[in-house]
């Protein structure tokens, strides 16, 4: 008989020196990171609260003077202490809507081209140009719009007004222009300004789509557009909404560029080719020469704009949350 070999198993010795110390250090590092992250998040909330409290205190005299009429009336007459911001609220919404109407489809198209179709060299060049556009100061866009775009585009406004004059609703929206400084011109300038932001963020979101999902859709016989609609858009919906909301926030808060091309006319109108004004532009134009109740009214307008941006972001988060909750259900179907 042959002897069965035995294994010489040695008892486990103590852990290497410093093992427990390294574990304690890692735990301390994790705790320190959690505390730092929590402090950073709370500091942002604290800053927002301080901004809201301080501006509301400065705006209190205007709110006490006009009450709800501050946002329901459109007459703005500082010489007789009448302050109604409805015309400026409407102008802000109109200009922002025009900007989004042009910027969103163009930005999504550019992002799809860069992520799905563009050759590598062309993609790098295009990304570089988009980043350069995002870095251009807003006053440059405003001056270009005032000096170049507004005098040129008024001819197009006249042509459109002549064509839609017999149409009942369109002749109100696109009536005869006075000059090139209008809601529509401001919307075009803002669209040019927010397109790089929406494009860059949307492209980054599209790049996070797993390649396996796109390849699976193409393997099942889907066309490229069907693959984009069925694989890329559902996966990227929340990110696209976030990108659009960031662009909307930039459009609503833009001051100099809008102030130069919008016309600075306090009027409540749906005529897109007429002059108007927006909240941020009014604050920029009048704050330096204001005082007393007028300055308080301008700060109150800033408070209203701040509240509008918060509401827009809350709505965007709700929409994005619903799309994320519904995505697994669509996948199971």
C-alpha atoms as a PDB file:
ATOM      1  CA  UNK A   1       0.000   0.000   0.000  1.00  0.00           C
ATOM      2  CA  UNK A   2       1.166   3.456  -0.737  1.00  0.00           C
ATOM      3  CA  UNK A   3       0.982   6.092   1.943  1.00  0.00           C
ATOM      4  CA  UNK A   4      -1.614   8.785   1.420  1.00  0.00           C
ATOM      5  CA  UNK A   5       0.082  12.168   1.118  1.00  0.00           C
ATOM      6  CA  UNK A   6      -0.886  14.658   3.730  1.00  0.00           C
ATOM      7  CA  UNK A   7      -1.049  18.404   3.404  1.00  0.00           C
ATOM      8  CA  UNK A   8       0.877  20.423   5.871  1.00  0.00           C
ATOM      9  CA  UNK A   9      -1.663  23.135   6.757  1.00  0.00           C
ATOM     10  CA  UNK A  10      -0.289  25.851   8.939  1.00  0.00           C
ATOM     11  CA  UNK A  11      -2.573  27.810  11.186  1.00  0.00           C
ATOM     12  CA  UNK A  12      -3.463  31.258   9.950  1.00  0.00           C
ATOM     13  CA  UNK A  13      -1.222  33.845  11.445  1.00  0.00           C
ATOM     14  CA  UNK A  14      -2.106  37.335  12.527  1.00  0.00           C
ATOM     15  CA  UNK A  15      -3.142  39.853   9.835  1.00  0.00           C
ATOM     16  CA  UNK A  16      -0.371  41.845   8.234  1.00  0.00           C
ATOM     17  CA  UNK A  17       0.910  44.754  10.195  1.00  0.00           C
ATOM     18  CA  UNK A  18      -1.098  47.923   9.618  1.00  0.00           C
ATOM     19  CA  UNK A  19      -4.158  46.095   8.196  1.00  0.00           C
ATOM     20  CA  UNK A  20      -6.498  47.397  10.865  1.00  0.00           C
ATOM     21  CA  UNK A  21      -4.982  50.845  10.629  1.00  0.00           C
ATOM     22  CA  UNK A  22      -5.588  50.979   6.864  1.00  0.00           C
ATOM     23  CA  UNK A  23      -9.198  49.888   7.417  1.00  0.00           C
ATOM     24  CA  UNK A  24      -9.715  52.641   9.959  1.00  0.00           C
ATOM     25  CA  UNK A  25      -8.199  55.160   7.575  1.00  0.00           C
ATOM     26  CA  UNK A  26     -10.546  54.073   4.805  1.00  0.00           C
ATOM     27  CA  UNK A  27     -13.537  54.407   7.116  1.00  0.00           C
ATOM     28  CA  UNK A  28     -12.391  57.858   8.184  1.00  0.00           C
ATOM     29  CA  UNK A  29     -11.890  58.844   4.560  1.00  0.00           C
ATOM     30  CA  UNK A  30     -15.397  57.624   3.666  1.00  0.00           C
ATOM     31  CA  UNK A  31     -16.904  59.525   6.581  1.00  0.00           C
ATOM     32  CA  UNK A  32     -14.974  62.657   5.680  1.00  0.00           C
ATOM     33  CA  UNK A  33     -16.165  62.403   2.066  1.00  0.00           C
ATOM     34  CA  UNK A  34     -19.788  61.969   3.170  1.00  0.00           C
ATOM     35  CA  UNK A  35     -19.535  64.957   5.482  1.00  0.00           C
ATOM     36  CA  UNK A  36     -17.894  67.091   2.787  1.00  0.00           C
ATOM     37  CA  UNK A  37     -20.511  66.111   0.190  1.00  0.00           C
ATOM     38  CA  UNK A  38     -23.351  66.797   2.633  1.00  0.00           C
ATOM     39  CA  UNK A  39     -21.829  70.152   3.586  1.00  0.00           C
ATOM     40  CA  UNK A  40     -21.489  71.108  -0.083  1.00  0.00           C
ATOM     41  CA  UNK A  41     -25.110  70.256  -0.805  1.00  0.00           C
ATOM     42  CA  UNK A  42     -26.375  72.075   2.268  1.00  0.00           C
ATOM     43  CA  UNK A  43     -24.223  75.110   1.458  1.00  0.00           C
ATOM     44  CA  UNK A  44     -25.895  75.403  -1.957  1.00  0.00           C
ATOM     45  CA  UNK A  45     -29.329  75.239  -0.321  1.00  0.00           C
ATOM     46  CA  UNK A  46     -28.252  77.763   2.305  1.00  0.00           C
ATOM     47  CA  UNK A  47     -27.030  80.182  -0.382  1.00  0.00           C
ATOM     48  CA  UNK A  48     -30.317  79.862  -2.272  1.00  0.00           C
ATOM     49  CA  UNK A  49     -32.294  80.492   0.919  1.00  0.00           C
ATOM     50  CA  UNK A  50     -30.154  83.526   1.767  1.00  0.00           C
ATOM     51  CA  UNK A  51     -30.618  84.919  -1.736  1.00  0.00           C
ATOM     52  CA  UNK A  52     -34.378  84.417  -1.528  1.00  0.00           C
ATOM     53  CA  UNK A  53     -34.635  85.973   1.943  1.00  0.00           C
ATOM     54  CA  UNK A  54     -32.433  88.996   1.213  1.00  0.00           C
ATOM     55  CA  UNK A  55     -34.055  89.826  -2.132  1.00  0.00           C
ATOM     56  CA  UNK A  56     -37.544  89.348  -0.710  1.00  0.00           C
ATOM     57  CA  UNK A  57     -36.737  91.797   2.080  1.00  0.00           C
ATOM     58  CA  UNK A  58     -35.545  94.363  -0.461  1.00  0.00           C
ATOM     59  CA  UNK A  59     -38.656  93.749  -2.581  1.00  0.00           C
ATOM     60  CA  UNK A  60     -41.106  93.956   0.323  1.00  0.00           C
ATOM     61  CA  UNK A  61     -41.946  97.679  -0.164  1.00  0.00           C
ATOM     62  CA  UNK A  62     -42.976  97.060  -3.777  1.00  0.00           C
ATOM     63  CA  UNK A  63     -45.050  94.032  -2.872  1.00  0.00           C
ATOM     64  CA  UNK A  64     -46.780  96.005  -0.087  1.00  0.00           C
ATOM     65  CA  UNK A  65     -47.384  98.944  -2.430  1.00  0.00           C
ATOM     66  CA  UNK A  66     -48.875  97.006  -5.345  1.00  0.00           C
ATOM     67  CA  UNK A  67     -49.799  93.604  -3.919  1.00  0.00           C
ATOM     68  CA  UNK A  68     -51.017  91.085  -6.458  1.00  0.00           C
ATOM     69  CA  UNK A  69     -51.309  93.859  -9.046  1.00  0.00           C
ATOM     70  CA  UNK A  70     -47.545  93.691  -9.408  1.00  0.00           C
ATOM     71  CA  UNK A  71     -47.911  90.525 -11.501  1.00  0.00           C
ATOM     72  CA  UNK A  72     -51.424  91.076 -12.897  1.00  0.00           C
ATOM     73  CA  UNK A  73     -51.083  94.573 -14.361  1.00  0.00           C
ATOM     74  CA  UNK A  74     -48.958  95.578 -17.330  1.00  0.00           C
ATOM     75  CA  UNK A  75     -48.485  99.322 -16.811  1.00  0.00           C
ATOM     76  CA  UNK A  76     -44.971 100.299 -15.694  1.00  0.00           C
ATOM     77  CA  UNK A  77     -44.770 104.016 -14.874  1.00  0.00           C
ATOM     78  CA  UNK A  78     -42.083 104.859 -12.302  1.00  0.00           C
ATOM     79  CA  UNK A  79     -42.876 108.602 -12.499  1.00  0.00           C
ATOM     80  CA  UNK A  80     -46.289 107.967 -10.880  1.00  0.00           C
ATOM     81  CA  UNK A  81     -45.234 104.945  -8.793  1.00  0.00           C
ATOM     82  CA  UNK A  82     -47.191 102.395 -10.840  1.00  0.00           C
ATOM     83  CA  UNK A  83     -45.363  99.101 -11.227  1.00  0.00           C
ATOM     84  CA  UNK A  84     -46.988  96.271 -13.123  1.00  0.00           C
ATOM     85  CA  UNK A  85     -44.671  93.523 -14.331  1.00  0.00           C
ATOM     86  CA  UNK A  86     -47.121  91.465 -16.398  1.00  0.00           C
ATOM     87  CA  UNK A  87     -45.819  92.825 -19.715  1.00  0.00           C
ATOM     88  CA  UNK A  88     -42.254  91.904 -18.771  1.00  0.00           C
ATOM     89  CA  UNK A  89     -43.288  88.456 -17.520  1.00  0.00           C
ATOM     90  CA  UNK A  90     -45.104  87.857 -20.802  1.00  0.00           C
ATOM     91  CA  UNK A  91     -42.110  89.116 -22.784  1.00  0.00           C
ATOM     92  CA  UNK A  92     -39.762  86.786 -20.918  1.00  0.00           C
ATOM     93  CA  UNK A  93     -41.987  83.798 -21.639  1.00  0.00           C
ATOM     94  CA  UNK A  94     -42.430  84.723 -25.314  1.00  0.00           C
ATOM     95  CA  UNK A  95     -38.721  85.233 -25.954  1.00  0.00           C
ATOM     96  CA  UNK A  96     -37.810  82.027 -24.086  1.00  0.00           C
ATOM     97  CA  UNK A  97     -40.410  80.031 -26.036  1.00  0.00           C
ATOM     98  CA  UNK A  98     -39.056  81.349 -29.360  1.00  0.00           C
ATOM     99  CA  UNK A  99     -35.513  80.490 -28.290  1.00  0.00           C
ATOM    100  CA  UNK A 100     -36.461  76.934 -27.324  1.00  0.00           C
ATOM    101  CA  UNK A 101     -38.510  76.431 -30.494  1.00  0.00           C
ATOM    102  CA  UNK A 102     -35.402  77.058 -32.592  1.00  0.00           C
ATOM    103  CA  UNK A 103     -32.644  75.769 -30.310  1.00  0.00           C
ATOM    104  CA  UNK A 104     -34.051  72.407 -29.167  1.00  0.00           C
ATOM    105  CA  UNK A 105     -34.511  70.658 -32.561  1.00  0.00           C
ATOM    106  CA  UNK A 106     -31.247  72.091 -33.890  1.00  0.00           C
ATOM    107  CA  UNK A 107     -29.345  71.042 -30.770  1.00  0.00           C
ATOM    108  CA  UNK A 108     -30.772  67.516 -30.771  1.00  0.00           C
ATOM    109  CA  UNK A 109     -30.004  67.175 -34.477  1.00  0.00           C
ATOM    110  CA  UNK A 110     -26.401  68.296 -33.998  1.00  0.00           C
ATOM    111  CA  UNK A 111     -25.988  65.981 -30.999  1.00  0.00           C
ATOM    112  CA  UNK A 112     -27.319  63.007 -32.973  1.00  0.00           C
ATOM    113  CA  UNK A 113     -25.046  63.822 -35.883  1.00  0.00           C
ATOM    114  CA  UNK A 114     -21.990  64.029 -33.622  1.00  0.00           C
ATOM    115  CA  UNK A 115     -22.774  60.848 -31.700  1.00  0.00           C
ATOM    116  CA  UNK A 116     -24.035  58.641 -34.542  1.00  0.00           C
ATOM    117  CA  UNK A 117     -22.952  59.874 -37.964  1.00  0.00           C
ATOM    118  CA  UNK A 118     -20.003  62.251 -37.926  1.00  0.00           C
ATOM    119  CA  UNK A 119     -16.501  60.978 -38.774  1.00  0.00           C
ATOM    120  CA  UNK A 120     -14.000  61.314 -35.971  1.00  0.00           C
ATOM    121  CA  UNK A 121     -12.117  64.282 -37.437  1.00  0.00           C
ATOM    122  CA  UNK A 122     -15.273  66.227 -38.284  1.00  0.00           C
ATOM    123  CA  UNK A 123     -16.685  65.392 -34.857  1.00  0.00           C
ATOM    124  CA  UNK A 124     -13.676  66.855 -33.062  1.00  0.00           C
ATOM    125  CA  UNK A 125     -13.772  70.023 -35.153  1.00  0.00           C
ATOM    126  CA  UNK A 126     -17.515  70.491 -34.587  1.00  0.00           C
ATOM    127  CA  UNK A 127     -17.224  69.938 -30.845  1.00  0.00           C
ATOM    128  CA  UNK A 128     -14.434  72.512 -30.724  1.00  0.00           C
ATOM    129  CA  UNK A 129     -16.560  75.072 -32.590  1.00  0.00           C
ATOM    130  CA  UNK A 130     -19.557  74.429 -30.296  1.00  0.00           C
ATOM    131  CA  UNK A 131     -17.401  74.901 -27.212  1.00  0.00           C
ATOM    132  CA  UNK A 132     -16.109  78.166 -28.669  1.00  0.00           C
ATOM    133  CA  UNK A 133     -19.673  79.401 -29.241  1.00  0.00           C
ATOM    134  CA  UNK A 134     -20.539  78.619 -25.637  1.00  0.00           C
ATOM    135  CA  UNK A 135     -17.608  80.775 -24.487  1.00  0.00           C
ATOM    136  CA  UNK A 136     -18.561  83.865 -26.522  1.00  0.00           C
ATOM    137  CA  UNK A 137     -19.705  86.719 -24.193  1.00  0.00           C
ATOM    138  CA  UNK A 138     -23.385  87.564 -24.388  1.00  0.00           C
ATOM    139  CA  UNK A 139     -22.677  91.216 -25.205  1.00  0.00           C
ATOM    140  CA  UNK A 140     -20.998  90.088 -28.438  1.00  0.00           C
ATOM    141  CA  UNK A 141     -24.150  88.223 -29.480  1.00  0.00           C
ATOM    142  CA  UNK A 142     -26.219  91.261 -28.549  1.00  0.00           C
ATOM    143  CA  UNK A 143     -24.095  93.694 -30.538  1.00  0.00           C
ATOM    144  CA  UNK A 144     -24.109  91.385 -33.556  1.00  0.00           C
ATOM    145  CA  UNK A 145     -27.865  91.113 -33.330  1.00  0.00           C
ATOM    146  CA  UNK A 146     -28.275  94.891 -33.019  1.00  0.00           C
ATOM    147  CA  UNK A 147     -25.845  95.899 -35.757  1.00  0.00           C
ATOM    148  CA  UNK A 148     -26.150  93.035 -38.261  1.00  0.00           C
ATOM    149  CA  UNK A 149     -29.191  90.833 -37.675  1.00  0.00           C
ATOM    150  CA  UNK A 150     -31.880  93.384 -36.814  1.00  0.00           C
ATOM    151  CA  UNK A 151     -31.451  95.629 -39.916  1.00  0.00           C
ATOM    152  CA  UNK A 152     -31.243  92.610 -42.214  1.00  0.00           C
ATOM    153  CA  UNK A 153     -34.063  90.495 -40.812  1.00  0.00           C
ATOM    154  CA  UNK A 154     -36.660  93.281 -40.865  1.00  0.00           C
ATOM    155  CA  UNK A 155     -37.033  92.650 -44.622  1.00  0.00           C
ATOM    156  CA  UNK A 156     -37.922  89.017 -43.885  1.00  0.00           C
ATOM    157  CA  UNK A 157     -40.408  90.189 -41.261  1.00  0.00           C
ATOM    158  CA  UNK A 158     -42.074  92.425 -43.866  1.00  0.00           C
ATOM    159  CA  UNK A 159     -42.305  89.539 -46.336  1.00  0.00           C
ATOM    160  CA  UNK A 160     -43.822  87.196 -43.740  1.00  0.00           C
ATOM    161  CA  UNK A 161     -46.293  89.873 -42.626  1.00  0.00           C
ATOM    162  CA  UNK A 162     -47.492  90.381 -46.205  1.00  0.00           C
ATOM    163  CA  UNK A 163     -47.965  86.641 -46.733  1.00  0.00           C
ATOM    164  CA  UNK A 164     -49.933  85.979 -43.517  1.00  0.00           C
ATOM    165  CA  UNK A 165     -51.997  89.175 -43.562  1.00  0.00           C
ATOM    166  CA  UNK A 166     -55.198  87.405 -44.787  1.00  0.00           C
ATOM    167  CA  UNK A 167     -54.900  84.654 -42.121  1.00  0.00           C
ATOM    168  CA  UNK A 168     -56.895  85.628 -38.983  1.00  0.00           C
ATOM    169  CA  UNK A 169     -54.569  84.370 -36.216  1.00  0.00           C
ATOM    170  CA  UNK A 170     -51.225  84.598 -37.961  1.00  0.00           C
ATOM    171  CA  UNK A 171     -51.730  88.250 -38.873  1.00  0.00           C
ATOM    172  CA  UNK A 172     -51.829  89.001 -35.137  1.00  0.00           C
ATOM    173  CA  UNK A 173     -48.706  87.007 -34.329  1.00  0.00           C
ATOM    174  CA  UNK A 174     -46.717  88.098 -37.374  1.00  0.00           C
ATOM    175  CA  UNK A 175     -48.013  91.562 -38.151  1.00  0.00           C
ATOM    176  CA  UNK A 176     -46.152  94.401 -39.816  1.00  0.00           C
ATOM    177  CA  UNK A 177     -42.883  95.148 -37.955  1.00  0.00           C
ATOM    178  CA  UNK A 178     -41.735  98.600 -36.926  1.00  0.00           C
ATOM    179  CA  UNK A 179     -38.046  97.718 -36.952  1.00  0.00           C
ATOM    180  CA  UNK A 180     -35.818  94.711 -36.466  1.00  0.00           C
ATOM    181  CA  UNK A 181     -35.639  95.044 -32.672  1.00  0.00           C
ATOM    182  CA  UNK A 182     -38.402  92.738 -31.502  1.00  0.00           C
ATOM    183  CA  UNK A 183     -39.369  89.674 -29.501  1.00  0.00           C
ATOM    184  CA  UNK A 184     -38.527  87.445 -32.440  1.00  0.00           C
ATOM    185  CA  UNK A 185     -35.055  88.904 -32.918  1.00  0.00           C
ATOM    186  CA  UNK A 186     -34.318  88.497 -29.216  1.00  0.00           C
ATOM    187  CA  UNK A 187     -35.554  84.910 -29.383  1.00  0.00           C
ATOM    188  CA  UNK A 188     -33.254  84.166 -32.317  1.00  0.00           C
ATOM    189  CA  UNK A 189     -30.249  85.621 -30.490  1.00  0.00           C
ATOM    190  CA  UNK A 190     -31.048  83.631 -27.353  1.00  0.00           C
ATOM    191  CA  UNK A 191     -31.518  80.487 -29.442  1.00  0.00           C
ATOM    192  CA  UNK A 192     -28.035  81.002 -30.840  1.00  0.00           C
ATOM    193  CA  UNK A 193     -26.694  81.418 -27.323  1.00  0.00           C
ATOM    194  CA  UNK A 194     -28.329  78.356 -25.743  1.00  0.00           C
ATOM    195  CA  UNK A 195     -27.777  75.976 -28.661  1.00  0.00           C
ATOM    196  CA  UNK A 196     -24.162  75.142 -27.616  1.00  0.00           C
ATOM    197  CA  UNK A 197     -25.297  74.395 -24.046  1.00  0.00           C
ATOM    198  CA  UNK A 198     -28.130  72.066 -25.057  1.00  0.00           C
ATOM    199  CA  UNK A 199     -26.002  70.435 -27.759  1.00  0.00           C
ATOM    200  CA  UNK A 200     -23.062  69.661 -25.471  1.00  0.00           C
ATOM    201  CA  UNK A 201     -25.202  68.209 -22.692  1.00  0.00           C
ATOM    202  CA  UNK A 202     -27.412  66.219 -25.065  1.00  0.00           C
ATOM    203  CA  UNK A 203     -24.390  64.771 -26.854  1.00  0.00           C
ATOM    204  CA  UNK A 204     -22.927  63.619 -23.546  1.00  0.00           C
ATOM    205  CA  UNK A 205     -26.240  61.961 -22.685  1.00  0.00           C
ATOM    206  CA  UNK A 206     -26.421  60.213 -26.063  1.00  0.00           C
ATOM    207  CA  UNK A 207     -22.893  58.871 -25.563  1.00  0.00           C
ATOM    208  CA  UNK A 208     -24.023  57.084 -22.382  1.00  0.00           C
ATOM    209  CA  UNK A 209     -26.448  54.825 -24.282  1.00  0.00           C
ATOM    210  CA  UNK A 210     -25.077  51.246 -24.099  1.00  0.00           C
ATOM    211  CA  UNK A 211     -23.818  50.154 -27.532  1.00  0.00           C
ATOM    212  CA  UNK A 212     -25.517  46.800 -27.032  1.00  0.00           C
ATOM    213  CA  UNK A 213     -28.962  48.410 -27.114  1.00  0.00           C
ATOM    214  CA  UNK A 214     -28.254  50.148 -30.409  1.00  0.00           C
ATOM    215  CA  UNK A 215     -26.690  47.067 -31.961  1.00  0.00           C
ATOM    216  CA  UNK A 216     -29.614  44.903 -30.842  1.00  0.00           C
ATOM    217  CA  UNK A 217     -32.118  47.258 -32.455  1.00  0.00           C
ATOM    218  CA  UNK A 218     -30.172  47.268 -35.724  1.00  0.00           C
ATOM    219  CA  UNK A 219     -29.793  43.466 -35.610  1.00  0.00           C
ATOM    220  CA  UNK A 220     -33.588  43.115 -35.358  1.00  0.00           C
ATOM    221  CA  UNK A 221     -33.954  44.983 -38.642  1.00  0.00           C
ATOM    222  CA  UNK A 222     -34.624  48.510 -37.374  1.00  0.00           C
ATOM    223  CA  UNK A 223     -33.571  51.430 -39.495  1.00  0.00           C
ATOM    224  CA  UNK A 224     -31.198  53.974 -38.049  1.00  0.00           C
ATOM    225  CA  UNK A 225     -34.077  56.343 -37.244  1.00  0.00           C
ATOM    226  CA  UNK A 226     -36.060  53.524 -35.618  1.00  0.00           C
ATOM    227  CA  UNK A 227     -32.982  52.667 -33.552  1.00  0.00           C
ATOM    228  CA  UNK A 228     -32.656  56.297 -32.456  1.00  0.00           C
ATOM    229  CA  UNK A 229     -36.331  56.535 -31.599  1.00  0.00           C
ATOM    230  CA  UNK A 230     -36.518  53.178 -29.820  1.00  0.00           C
ATOM    231  CA  UNK A 231     -33.115  52.894 -28.132  1.00  0.00           C
ATOM    232  CA  UNK A 232     -31.466  56.309 -27.797  1.00  0.00           C
ATOM    233  CA  UNK A 233     -34.378  58.621 -27.009  1.00  0.00           C
ATOM    234  CA  UNK A 234     -35.979  56.493 -24.233  1.00  0.00           C
ATOM    235  CA  UNK A 235     -32.622  56.007 -22.520  1.00  0.00           C
ATOM    236  CA  UNK A 236     -31.733  59.707 -22.801  1.00  0.00           C
ATOM    237  CA  UNK A 237     -35.102  61.345 -22.115  1.00  0.00           C
ATOM    238  CA  UNK A 238     -34.366  62.574 -18.599  1.00  0.00           C
ATOM    239  CA  UNK A 239     -30.970  63.933 -19.614  1.00  0.00           C
ATOM    240  CA  UNK A 240     -32.474  65.700 -22.623  1.00  0.00           C
ATOM    241  CA  UNK A 241     -35.083  67.325 -20.400  1.00  0.00           C
ATOM    242  CA  UNK A 242     -32.352  68.497 -18.056  1.00  0.00           C
ATOM    243  CA  UNK A 243     -30.364  69.981 -20.945  1.00  0.00           C
ATOM    244  CA  UNK A 244     -33.418  71.819 -22.270  1.00  0.00           C
ATOM    245  CA  UNK A 245     -34.213  73.188 -18.809  1.00  0.00           C
ATOM    246  CA  UNK A 246     -30.680  74.500 -18.421  1.00  0.00           C
ATOM    247  CA  UNK A 247     -31.020  76.221 -21.780  1.00  0.00           C
ATOM    248  CA  UNK A 248     -34.382  77.646 -20.727  1.00  0.00           C
ATOM    249  CA  UNK A 249     -32.863  78.998 -17.522  1.00  0.00           C
ATOM    250  CA  UNK A 250     -30.131  80.708 -19.528  1.00  0.00           C
ATOM    251  CA  UNK A 251     -32.718  82.205 -21.894  1.00  0.00           C
ATOM    252  CA  UNK A 252     -34.946  83.474 -19.091  1.00  0.00           C
ATOM    253  CA  UNK A 253     -32.065  85.067 -17.198  1.00  0.00           C
ATOM    254  CA  UNK A 254     -30.155  86.612 -20.092  1.00  0.00           C
ATOM    255  CA  UNK A 255     -29.790  90.383 -19.735  1.00  0.00           C
ATOM    256  CA  UNK A 256     -27.426  92.263 -22.057  1.00  0.00           C
ATOM    257  CA  UNK A 257     -28.090  90.395 -25.301  1.00  0.00           C
ATOM    258  CA  UNK A 258     -31.855  90.584 -24.840  1.00  0.00           C
ATOM    259  CA  UNK A 259     -31.749  94.214 -23.755  1.00  0.00           C
ATOM    260  CA  UNK A 260     -29.903  95.245 -26.923  1.00  0.00           C
ATOM    261  CA  UNK A 261     -32.260  93.639 -29.451  1.00  0.00           C
ATOM    262  CA  UNK A 262     -35.699  93.398 -27.835  1.00  0.00           C
ATOM    263  CA  UNK A 263     -36.649  97.060 -28.238  1.00  0.00           C
ATOM    264  CA  UNK A 264     -37.245  98.046 -24.567  1.00  0.00           C
ATOM    265  CA  UNK A 265     -40.965  98.723 -24.886  1.00  0.00           C
ATOM    266  CA  UNK A 266     -43.244  97.970 -21.910  1.00  0.00           C
ATOM    267  CA  UNK A 267     -46.264  96.566 -23.712  1.00  0.00           C
ATOM    268  CA  UNK A 268     -48.431  93.466 -23.404  1.00  0.00           C
ATOM    269  CA  UNK A 269     -48.818  92.024 -26.890  1.00  0.00           C
ATOM    270  CA  UNK A 270     -48.738  88.798 -28.881  1.00  0.00           C
ATOM    271  CA  UNK A 271     -47.219  90.537 -31.910  1.00  0.00           C
ATOM    272  CA  UNK A 272     -43.896  88.711 -32.214  1.00  0.00           C
ATOM    273  CA  UNK A 273     -42.397  91.232 -34.641  1.00  0.00           C
ATOM    274  CA  UNK A 274     -43.031  94.202 -32.346  1.00  0.00           C
ATOM    275  CA  UNK A 275     -40.752  95.688 -29.732  1.00  0.00           C
ATOM    276  CA  UNK A 276     -41.111  94.558 -26.134  1.00  0.00           C
ATOM    277  CA  UNK A 277     -39.131  93.890 -23.004  1.00  0.00           C
ATOM    278  CA  UNK A 278     -38.194  91.097 -20.613  1.00  0.00           C
ATOM    279  CA  UNK A 279     -37.660  91.018 -16.872  1.00  0.00           C
ATOM    280  CA  UNK A 280     -33.898  90.579 -16.894  1.00  0.00           C
ATOM    281  CA  UNK A 281     -33.497  93.266 -19.567  1.00  0.00           C
ATOM    282  CA  UNK A 282     -35.586  95.764 -17.590  1.00  0.00           C
ATOM    283  CA  UNK A 283     -33.527  95.148 -14.464  1.00  0.00           C
ATOM    284  CA  UNK A 284     -30.294  95.652 -16.381  1.00  0.00           C
ATOM    285  CA  UNK A 285     -31.502  98.850 -18.083  1.00  0.00           C
ATOM    286  CA  UNK A 286     -33.135 100.605 -15.124  1.00  0.00           C
ATOM    287  CA  UNK A 287     -31.388  99.429 -11.980  1.00  0.00           C
ATOM    288  CA  UNK A 288     -28.451 101.849 -12.199  1.00  0.00           C
ATOM    289  CA  UNK A 289     -30.668 104.948 -12.295  1.00  0.00           C
ATOM    290  CA  UNK A 290     -33.377 103.691  -9.947  1.00  0.00           C
ATOM    291  CA  UNK A 291     -33.984 104.435  -6.315  1.00  0.00           C
ATOM    292  CA  UNK A 292     -36.585 104.098  -3.609  1.00  0.00           C
ATOM    293  CA  UNK A 293     -39.752 102.296  -4.645  1.00  0.00           C
ATOM    294  CA  UNK A 294     -38.596 101.773  -8.229  1.00  0.00           C
ATOM    295  CA  UNK A 295     -35.482  99.925  -7.099  1.00  0.00           C
ATOM    296  CA  UNK A 296     -37.622  97.808  -4.791  1.00  0.00           C
ATOM    297  CA  UNK A 297     -39.912  97.020  -7.748  1.00  0.00           C
ATOM    298  CA  UNK A 298     -36.931  95.938  -9.849  1.00  0.00           C
ATOM    299  CA  UNK A 299     -35.747  93.665  -7.046  1.00  0.00           C
ATOM    300  CA  UNK A 300     -39.295  92.309  -6.791  1.00  0.00           C
ATOM    301  CA  UNK A 301     -39.138  91.510 -10.496  1.00  0.00           C
ATOM    302  CA  UNK A 302     -35.949  89.571  -9.806  1.00  0.00           C
ATOM    303  CA  UNK A 303     -37.759  87.653  -7.059  1.00  0.00           C
ATOM    304  CA  UNK A 304     -40.541  86.767  -9.501  1.00  0.00           C
ATOM    305  CA  UNK A 305     -37.969  85.615 -12.067  1.00  0.00           C
ATOM    306  CA  UNK A 306     -36.242  83.552  -9.380  1.00  0.00           C
ATOM    307  CA  UNK A 307     -39.547  81.922  -8.493  1.00  0.00           C
ATOM    308  CA  UNK A 308     -40.295  81.195 -12.147  1.00  0.00           C
ATOM    309  CA  UNK A 309     -36.961  79.417 -12.604  1.00  0.00           C
ATOM    310  CA  UNK A 310     -37.605  77.305  -9.496  1.00  0.00           C
ATOM    311  CA  UNK A 311     -41.051  76.314 -10.790  1.00  0.00           C
ATOM    312  CA  UNK A 312     -39.604  75.446 -14.209  1.00  0.00           C
ATOM    313  CA  UNK A 313     -36.947  73.238 -12.629  1.00  0.00           C
ATOM    314  CA  UNK A 314     -39.489  71.511 -10.399  1.00  0.00           C
ATOM    315  CA  UNK A 315     -41.703  70.764 -13.390  1.00  0.00           C
ATOM    316  CA  UNK A 316     -38.707  69.470 -15.329  1.00  0.00           C
ATOM    317  CA  UNK A 317     -37.707  67.153 -12.475  1.00  0.00           C
ATOM    318  CA  UNK A 318     -41.267  65.865 -12.228  1.00  0.00           C
ATOM    319  CA  UNK A 319     -41.383  65.135 -15.963  1.00  0.00           C
ATOM    320  CA  UNK A 320     -37.990  63.455 -15.865  1.00  0.00           C
ATOM    321  CA  UNK A 321     -39.012  61.380 -12.856  1.00  0.00           C
ATOM    322  CA  UNK A 322     -42.184  60.200 -14.572  1.00  0.00           C
ATOM    323  CA  UNK A 323     -40.241  59.243 -17.690  1.00  0.00           C
ATOM    324  CA  UNK A 324     -37.765  57.230 -15.605  1.00  0.00           C
ATOM    325  CA  UNK A 325     -40.595  55.465 -13.758  1.00  0.00           C
ATOM    326  CA  UNK A 326     -42.358  54.620 -17.016  1.00  0.00           C
ATOM    327  CA  UNK A 327     -39.253  53.346 -18.807  1.00  0.00           C
ATOM    328  CA  UNK A 328     -39.194  49.844 -17.201  1.00  0.00           C
ATOM    329  CA  UNK A 329     -42.882  49.397 -17.961  1.00  0.00           C
ATOM    330  CA  UNK A 330     -42.298  50.102 -21.643  1.00  0.00           C
ATOM    331  CA  UNK A 331     -39.347  47.757 -21.594  1.00  0.00           C
ATOM    332  CA  UNK A 332     -41.440  44.887 -20.198  1.00  0.00           C
ATOM    333  CA  UNK A 333     -44.001  45.354 -22.905  1.00  0.00           C
END
